[in-house]
N, C-alpha and C. Protein backbone atom coordinates (compact mmCIF):
# COMPACT_ATOMS: atom_id res chain seq x y z
N GLN A 1 -134.65 -121.53 -407.81
CA GLN A 1 -133.96 -120.24 -407.84
C GLN A 1 -132.56 -120.42 -408.42
N VAL A 2 -132.06 -119.37 -409.04
CA VAL A 2 -130.72 -119.37 -409.62
C VAL A 2 -129.90 -118.29 -408.94
N GLN A 3 -128.69 -118.62 -408.54
CA GLN A 3 -127.80 -117.65 -407.92
C GLN A 3 -126.62 -117.38 -408.85
N LEU A 4 -126.21 -116.11 -408.88
CA LEU A 4 -125.06 -115.71 -409.69
C LEU A 4 -123.99 -115.13 -408.77
N VAL A 5 -122.76 -115.58 -408.97
CA VAL A 5 -121.65 -115.07 -408.18
C VAL A 5 -120.59 -114.53 -409.13
N GLU A 6 -120.34 -113.23 -409.02
CA GLU A 6 -119.34 -112.58 -409.87
C GLU A 6 -118.02 -112.45 -409.12
N SER A 7 -116.95 -112.42 -409.88
CA SER A 7 -115.63 -112.20 -409.30
C SER A 7 -114.72 -111.60 -410.35
N GLY A 8 -113.59 -111.05 -409.88
CA GLY A 8 -112.58 -110.57 -410.80
C GLY A 8 -112.44 -109.06 -410.89
N GLY A 9 -113.31 -108.32 -410.22
CA GLY A 9 -113.17 -106.87 -410.27
C GLY A 9 -111.99 -106.39 -409.46
N GLY A 10 -111.73 -105.08 -409.56
CA GLY A 10 -110.64 -104.52 -408.80
C GLY A 10 -110.18 -103.20 -409.36
N LEU A 11 -109.01 -102.77 -408.88
CA LEU A 11 -108.40 -101.52 -409.32
C LEU A 11 -107.30 -101.83 -410.32
N VAL A 12 -107.31 -101.14 -411.44
CA VAL A 12 -106.30 -101.36 -412.47
C VAL A 12 -105.93 -100.01 -413.09
N GLN A 13 -104.71 -99.91 -413.56
CA GLN A 13 -104.26 -98.68 -414.21
C GLN A 13 -104.79 -98.61 -415.64
N PRO A 14 -104.92 -97.41 -416.18
CA PRO A 14 -105.33 -97.28 -417.59
C PRO A 14 -104.40 -98.09 -418.49
N GLY A 15 -105.00 -98.79 -419.44
CA GLY A 15 -104.25 -99.66 -420.32
C GLY A 15 -104.11 -101.08 -419.81
N GLY A 16 -104.53 -101.31 -418.58
CA GLY A 16 -104.42 -102.63 -417.99
C GLY A 16 -105.56 -103.56 -418.39
N SER A 17 -105.53 -104.74 -417.78
CA SER A 17 -106.52 -105.77 -418.11
C SER A 17 -107.11 -106.38 -416.84
N LEU A 18 -108.33 -106.83 -416.97
CA LEU A 18 -109.00 -107.60 -415.93
C LEU A 18 -109.89 -108.64 -416.59
N THR A 19 -110.12 -109.73 -415.88
CA THR A 19 -111.08 -110.72 -416.35
C THR A 19 -112.13 -110.94 -415.29
N LEU A 20 -113.37 -110.75 -415.67
CA LEU A 20 -114.50 -110.99 -414.78
C LEU A 20 -115.09 -112.37 -415.07
N SER A 21 -115.61 -112.98 -414.03
CA SER A 21 -116.32 -114.24 -414.22
C SER A 21 -117.62 -114.22 -413.44
N CYS A 22 -118.58 -114.97 -413.92
CA CYS A 22 -119.89 -115.06 -413.28
C CYS A 22 -120.35 -116.51 -413.38
N ALA A 23 -120.51 -117.12 -412.22
CA ALA A 23 -120.93 -118.52 -412.17
C ALA A 23 -122.36 -118.63 -411.68
N ALA A 24 -123.15 -119.40 -412.40
CA ALA A 24 -124.55 -119.60 -412.03
C ALA A 24 -124.73 -120.96 -411.37
N SER A 25 -125.53 -120.98 -410.33
CA SER A 25 -125.82 -122.24 -409.66
C SER A 25 -127.29 -122.27 -409.26
N GLY A 26 -127.79 -123.46 -409.03
CA GLY A 26 -129.18 -123.63 -408.65
C GLY A 26 -129.65 -125.00 -409.08
N SER A 27 -130.93 -125.14 -409.23
CA SER A 27 -131.46 -126.44 -409.61
C SER A 27 -132.45 -126.29 -410.76
N ALA A 28 -132.45 -127.31 -411.59
CA ALA A 28 -133.45 -127.43 -412.65
C ALA A 28 -133.56 -126.19 -413.51
N PHE A 29 -132.42 -125.73 -414.06
CA PHE A 29 -132.49 -124.59 -414.96
C PHE A 29 -131.57 -124.85 -416.15
N SER A 30 -131.87 -124.15 -417.23
CA SER A 30 -131.05 -124.23 -418.44
C SER A 30 -130.80 -122.81 -418.92
N ILE A 31 -129.56 -122.42 -418.96
CA ILE A 31 -129.22 -121.04 -419.32
C ILE A 31 -129.39 -120.82 -420.81
N ILE A 32 -130.00 -119.68 -421.13
CA ILE A 32 -130.18 -119.31 -422.53
C ILE A 32 -129.13 -118.26 -422.88
N GLY A 33 -129.35 -117.02 -422.50
CA GLY A 33 -128.40 -115.95 -422.77
C GLY A 33 -127.62 -115.56 -421.53
N MET A 34 -126.42 -115.04 -421.75
CA MET A 34 -125.58 -114.56 -420.66
C MET A 34 -124.99 -113.22 -421.08
N GLY A 35 -124.81 -112.34 -420.12
CA GLY A 35 -124.27 -111.05 -420.50
C GLY A 35 -123.74 -110.26 -419.33
N TRP A 36 -123.09 -109.16 -419.68
CA TRP A 36 -122.56 -108.23 -418.69
C TRP A 36 -123.10 -106.84 -418.96
N TYR A 37 -123.50 -106.18 -417.90
CA TYR A 37 -123.92 -104.80 -417.93
C TYR A 37 -123.02 -104.01 -416.98
N ARG A 38 -123.05 -102.70 -417.09
CA ARG A 38 -122.31 -101.89 -416.14
C ARG A 38 -123.10 -100.63 -415.80
N GLN A 39 -122.83 -100.15 -414.60
CA GLN A 39 -123.52 -98.95 -414.14
C GLN A 39 -122.53 -98.09 -413.35
N ALA A 40 -122.32 -96.89 -413.86
CA ALA A 40 -121.48 -95.92 -413.18
C ALA A 40 -122.36 -95.05 -412.28
N PRO A 41 -121.78 -94.42 -411.27
CA PRO A 41 -122.57 -93.59 -410.36
C PRO A 41 -123.34 -92.51 -411.11
N GLY A 42 -124.63 -92.43 -410.85
CA GLY A 42 -125.46 -91.42 -411.47
C GLY A 42 -125.84 -91.68 -412.91
N LYS A 43 -125.49 -92.86 -413.41
CA LYS A 43 -125.79 -93.18 -414.81
C LYS A 43 -126.68 -94.42 -414.89
N GLN A 44 -127.26 -94.63 -416.05
CA GLN A 44 -128.12 -95.78 -416.23
C GLN A 44 -127.28 -97.04 -416.43
N ARG A 45 -127.93 -98.17 -416.26
CA ARG A 45 -127.27 -99.45 -416.49
C ARG A 45 -127.25 -99.72 -417.99
N ASP A 46 -126.06 -100.00 -418.50
CA ASP A 46 -125.89 -100.20 -419.94
C ASP A 46 -125.34 -101.58 -420.25
N LEU A 47 -125.74 -102.12 -421.38
CA LEU A 47 -125.20 -103.37 -421.86
C LEU A 47 -123.73 -103.19 -422.24
N VAL A 48 -122.90 -104.13 -421.81
CA VAL A 48 -121.50 -104.16 -422.22
C VAL A 48 -121.30 -105.21 -423.31
N ALA A 49 -121.72 -106.42 -423.00
CA ALA A 49 -121.58 -107.52 -423.96
C ALA A 49 -122.54 -108.63 -423.56
N ARG A 50 -122.95 -109.40 -424.54
CA ARG A 50 -123.80 -110.56 -424.28
C ARG A 50 -123.41 -111.66 -425.25
N ILE A 51 -123.80 -112.87 -424.88
CA ILE A 51 -123.45 -114.02 -425.71
C ILE A 51 -124.59 -115.00 -425.69
N SER A 52 -124.92 -115.50 -426.86
CA SER A 52 -126.05 -116.41 -426.99
C SER A 52 -125.65 -117.82 -426.55
N ARG A 53 -126.64 -118.67 -426.49
CA ARG A 53 -126.39 -120.06 -426.10
C ARG A 53 -125.40 -120.74 -427.05
N SER A 54 -125.47 -120.35 -428.32
CA SER A 54 -124.58 -120.95 -429.34
C SER A 54 -123.21 -120.29 -429.37
N GLY A 55 -123.04 -119.23 -428.57
CA GLY A 55 -121.73 -118.60 -428.51
C GLY A 55 -121.58 -117.35 -429.37
N MET A 56 -122.67 -116.84 -429.92
CA MET A 56 -122.60 -115.63 -430.73
C MET A 56 -122.52 -114.41 -429.83
N PRO A 57 -121.43 -113.62 -429.92
CA PRO A 57 -121.28 -112.46 -429.05
C PRO A 57 -121.85 -111.19 -429.67
N ASP A 58 -122.12 -110.24 -428.80
CA ASP A 58 -122.60 -108.93 -429.21
C ASP A 58 -122.02 -107.93 -428.23
N TYR A 59 -121.44 -106.83 -428.76
CA TYR A 59 -120.75 -105.86 -427.91
C TYR A 59 -121.30 -104.46 -428.11
N SER A 60 -121.21 -103.67 -427.06
CA SER A 60 -121.51 -102.25 -427.21
C SER A 60 -120.36 -101.62 -427.98
N ASP A 61 -120.65 -100.54 -428.68
CA ASP A 61 -119.62 -99.90 -429.49
C ASP A 61 -118.44 -99.42 -428.63
N SER A 62 -118.71 -99.07 -427.39
CA SER A 62 -117.66 -98.50 -426.55
C SER A 62 -116.60 -99.52 -426.14
N VAL A 63 -116.90 -100.81 -426.27
CA VAL A 63 -115.92 -101.83 -425.84
C VAL A 63 -115.46 -102.74 -426.97
N LYS A 64 -116.01 -102.56 -428.16
CA LYS A 64 -115.62 -103.41 -429.29
C LYS A 64 -114.13 -103.32 -429.53
N GLY A 65 -113.51 -104.48 -429.71
CA GLY A 65 -112.09 -104.53 -429.96
C GLY A 65 -111.24 -104.55 -428.71
N ARG A 66 -111.86 -104.28 -427.56
CA ARG A 66 -111.11 -104.27 -426.29
C ARG A 66 -111.58 -105.37 -425.34
N PHE A 67 -112.86 -105.68 -425.36
CA PHE A 67 -113.43 -106.68 -424.45
C PHE A 67 -113.81 -107.93 -425.24
N THR A 68 -113.72 -109.07 -424.57
CA THR A 68 -114.13 -110.33 -425.16
C THR A 68 -115.00 -111.10 -424.17
N ILE A 69 -116.19 -111.47 -424.62
CA ILE A 69 -117.08 -112.27 -423.77
C ILE A 69 -117.01 -113.72 -424.22
N SER A 70 -117.06 -114.63 -423.27
CA SER A 70 -117.07 -116.06 -423.58
C SER A 70 -117.87 -116.78 -422.50
N ARG A 71 -118.23 -118.00 -422.80
CA ARG A 71 -119.01 -118.78 -421.83
C ARG A 71 -118.58 -120.23 -421.83
N ASP A 72 -118.74 -120.85 -420.68
CA ASP A 72 -118.49 -122.27 -420.52
C ASP A 72 -119.82 -122.89 -420.12
N ASN A 73 -120.48 -123.52 -421.07
CA ASN A 73 -121.81 -124.05 -420.81
C ASN A 73 -121.78 -125.20 -419.80
N ALA A 74 -120.70 -125.96 -419.79
CA ALA A 74 -120.61 -127.08 -418.85
C ALA A 74 -120.51 -126.58 -417.41
N GLU A 75 -119.91 -125.40 -417.24
CA GLU A 75 -119.72 -124.83 -415.90
C GLU A 75 -120.72 -123.72 -415.59
N ASN A 76 -121.63 -123.44 -416.53
CA ASN A 76 -122.61 -122.36 -416.33
C ASN A 76 -121.93 -121.05 -415.95
N THR A 77 -120.87 -120.73 -416.65
CA THR A 77 -120.06 -119.56 -416.32
C THR A 77 -119.85 -118.69 -417.55
N VAL A 78 -119.90 -117.39 -417.33
CA VAL A 78 -119.62 -116.43 -418.39
C VAL A 78 -118.43 -115.57 -417.95
N TYR A 79 -117.58 -115.24 -418.92
CA TYR A 79 -116.38 -114.47 -418.65
C TYR A 79 -116.40 -113.18 -419.47
N LEU A 80 -115.68 -112.18 -418.94
CA LEU A 80 -115.48 -110.95 -419.68
C LEU A 80 -114.01 -110.57 -419.55
N GLN A 81 -113.28 -110.75 -420.64
CA GLN A 81 -111.88 -110.35 -420.68
C GLN A 81 -111.84 -108.89 -421.12
N MET A 82 -111.28 -108.04 -420.27
CA MET A 82 -111.24 -106.60 -420.55
C MET A 82 -109.80 -106.16 -420.72
N ASN A 83 -109.47 -105.67 -421.89
CA ASN A 83 -108.13 -105.18 -422.20
C ASN A 83 -108.17 -103.69 -422.51
N SER A 84 -107.01 -103.06 -422.47
CA SER A 84 -106.89 -101.64 -422.80
C SER A 84 -107.93 -100.82 -422.04
N LEU A 85 -108.01 -101.06 -420.75
CA LEU A 85 -109.03 -100.40 -419.95
C LEU A 85 -108.79 -98.90 -419.87
N LYS A 86 -109.91 -98.17 -419.84
CA LYS A 86 -109.90 -96.71 -419.79
C LYS A 86 -110.61 -96.25 -418.52
N PRO A 87 -110.30 -95.04 -418.05
CA PRO A 87 -111.00 -94.53 -416.86
C PRO A 87 -112.52 -94.55 -417.03
N GLU A 88 -113.00 -94.34 -418.23
CA GLU A 88 -114.45 -94.34 -418.45
C GLU A 88 -115.07 -95.73 -418.37
N ASP A 89 -114.25 -96.76 -418.23
CA ASP A 89 -114.78 -98.11 -418.01
C ASP A 89 -115.10 -98.35 -416.54
N THR A 90 -114.74 -97.40 -415.68
CA THR A 90 -115.01 -97.54 -414.26
C THR A 90 -116.51 -97.61 -414.00
N ALA A 91 -116.92 -98.68 -413.31
CA ALA A 91 -118.34 -98.90 -413.04
C ALA A 91 -118.49 -100.17 -412.22
N VAL A 92 -119.71 -100.40 -411.76
CA VAL A 92 -120.06 -101.71 -411.21
C VAL A 92 -120.51 -102.58 -412.39
N TYR A 93 -119.91 -103.73 -412.52
CA TYR A 93 -120.24 -104.65 -413.60
C TYR A 93 -121.15 -105.75 -413.06
N LEU A 94 -122.27 -105.93 -413.74
CA LEU A 94 -123.27 -106.90 -413.29
C LEU A 94 -123.49 -107.97 -414.34
N CYS A 95 -123.57 -109.18 -413.86
CA CYS A 95 -123.85 -110.32 -414.71
C CYS A 95 -125.37 -110.50 -414.82
N ARG A 96 -125.82 -110.86 -415.99
CA ARG A 96 -127.25 -111.12 -416.22
C ARG A 96 -127.40 -112.38 -417.05
N ILE A 97 -128.30 -113.25 -416.63
CA ILE A 97 -128.58 -114.43 -417.44
C ILE A 97 -130.08 -114.58 -417.61
N SER A 98 -130.45 -115.20 -418.70
CA SER A 98 -131.82 -115.65 -418.88
C SER A 98 -131.79 -117.18 -418.87
N ALA A 99 -132.72 -117.74 -418.15
CA ALA A 99 -132.71 -119.19 -417.97
C ALA A 99 -134.13 -119.73 -418.03
N SER A 100 -134.24 -120.91 -418.60
CA SER A 100 -135.55 -121.56 -418.65
C SER A 100 -135.65 -122.55 -417.50
N ARG A 101 -136.78 -122.53 -416.85
CA ARG A 101 -137.07 -123.47 -415.79
C ARG A 101 -138.46 -124.04 -416.05
N THR A 102 -138.91 -124.91 -415.20
CA THR A 102 -140.23 -125.50 -415.41
C THR A 102 -141.33 -124.45 -415.40
N THR A 103 -141.06 -123.32 -414.74
CA THR A 103 -142.07 -122.26 -414.65
C THR A 103 -142.02 -121.29 -415.82
N GLY A 104 -141.02 -121.43 -416.68
CA GLY A 104 -140.89 -120.51 -417.80
C GLY A 104 -139.50 -119.94 -417.87
N VAL A 105 -139.35 -118.82 -418.58
CA VAL A 105 -138.04 -118.17 -418.72
C VAL A 105 -137.97 -117.00 -417.75
N ASP A 106 -136.88 -116.93 -417.00
CA ASP A 106 -136.67 -115.86 -416.03
C ASP A 106 -135.32 -115.21 -416.27
N VAL A 107 -135.20 -113.98 -415.77
CA VAL A 107 -133.94 -113.24 -415.85
C VAL A 107 -133.38 -113.10 -414.44
N TYR A 108 -132.07 -113.30 -414.33
CA TYR A 108 -131.40 -113.22 -413.04
C TYR A 108 -130.21 -112.26 -413.14
N TRP A 109 -129.98 -111.53 -412.05
CA TRP A 109 -128.87 -110.58 -411.98
C TRP A 109 -127.96 -110.93 -410.83
N GLY A 110 -126.66 -110.71 -411.05
CA GLY A 110 -125.72 -110.81 -409.96
C GLY A 110 -125.71 -109.52 -409.15
N ARG A 111 -124.94 -109.53 -408.05
CA ARG A 111 -124.87 -108.35 -407.18
C ARG A 111 -123.94 -107.28 -407.74
N GLY A 112 -123.04 -107.69 -408.63
CA GLY A 112 -122.11 -106.73 -409.22
C GLY A 112 -120.72 -106.81 -408.63
N THR A 113 -119.76 -106.41 -409.43
CA THR A 113 -118.37 -106.33 -408.98
C THR A 113 -117.79 -105.01 -409.48
N GLN A 114 -117.07 -104.33 -408.60
CA GLN A 114 -116.57 -103.00 -408.92
C GLN A 114 -115.30 -103.10 -409.77
N VAL A 115 -115.27 -102.33 -410.83
CA VAL A 115 -114.08 -102.16 -411.65
C VAL A 115 -113.70 -100.68 -411.63
N THR A 116 -112.49 -100.40 -411.19
CA THR A 116 -112.01 -99.02 -411.13
C THR A 116 -110.73 -98.91 -411.94
N VAL A 117 -110.75 -98.00 -412.91
CA VAL A 117 -109.59 -97.78 -413.77
C VAL A 117 -109.04 -96.40 -413.44
N SER A 118 -107.88 -96.39 -412.82
CA SER A 118 -107.32 -95.13 -412.36
C SER A 118 -105.82 -95.27 -412.16
N SER A 119 -105.11 -94.17 -412.39
CA SER A 119 -103.68 -94.17 -412.14
C SER A 119 -103.39 -93.63 -410.74
């Protein structure tokens, strides 16, 4: 089994910054893709950003130029640097990874961390 622990959420004023992190732990796994999704109340879960094993990032149009995703393969950790935050960025942010194990490739989700952008 693989466990994901997210941290870094909180309350920030519009225009502020936050950095989220998600650390994966477990046994006998190799991470393939890593990413962040978000879900606001009453809305569907949407992709925010993802990054391939080789470090190639991909962003939703709503966060391009403001958010930066990165990963530390040695630490099995993915980060999301969020700048110029807007009230519409308010949501629960969830980490998602795909990992290969002896049983095949599986997808794992974190529990989420709340990000609130408000004055």
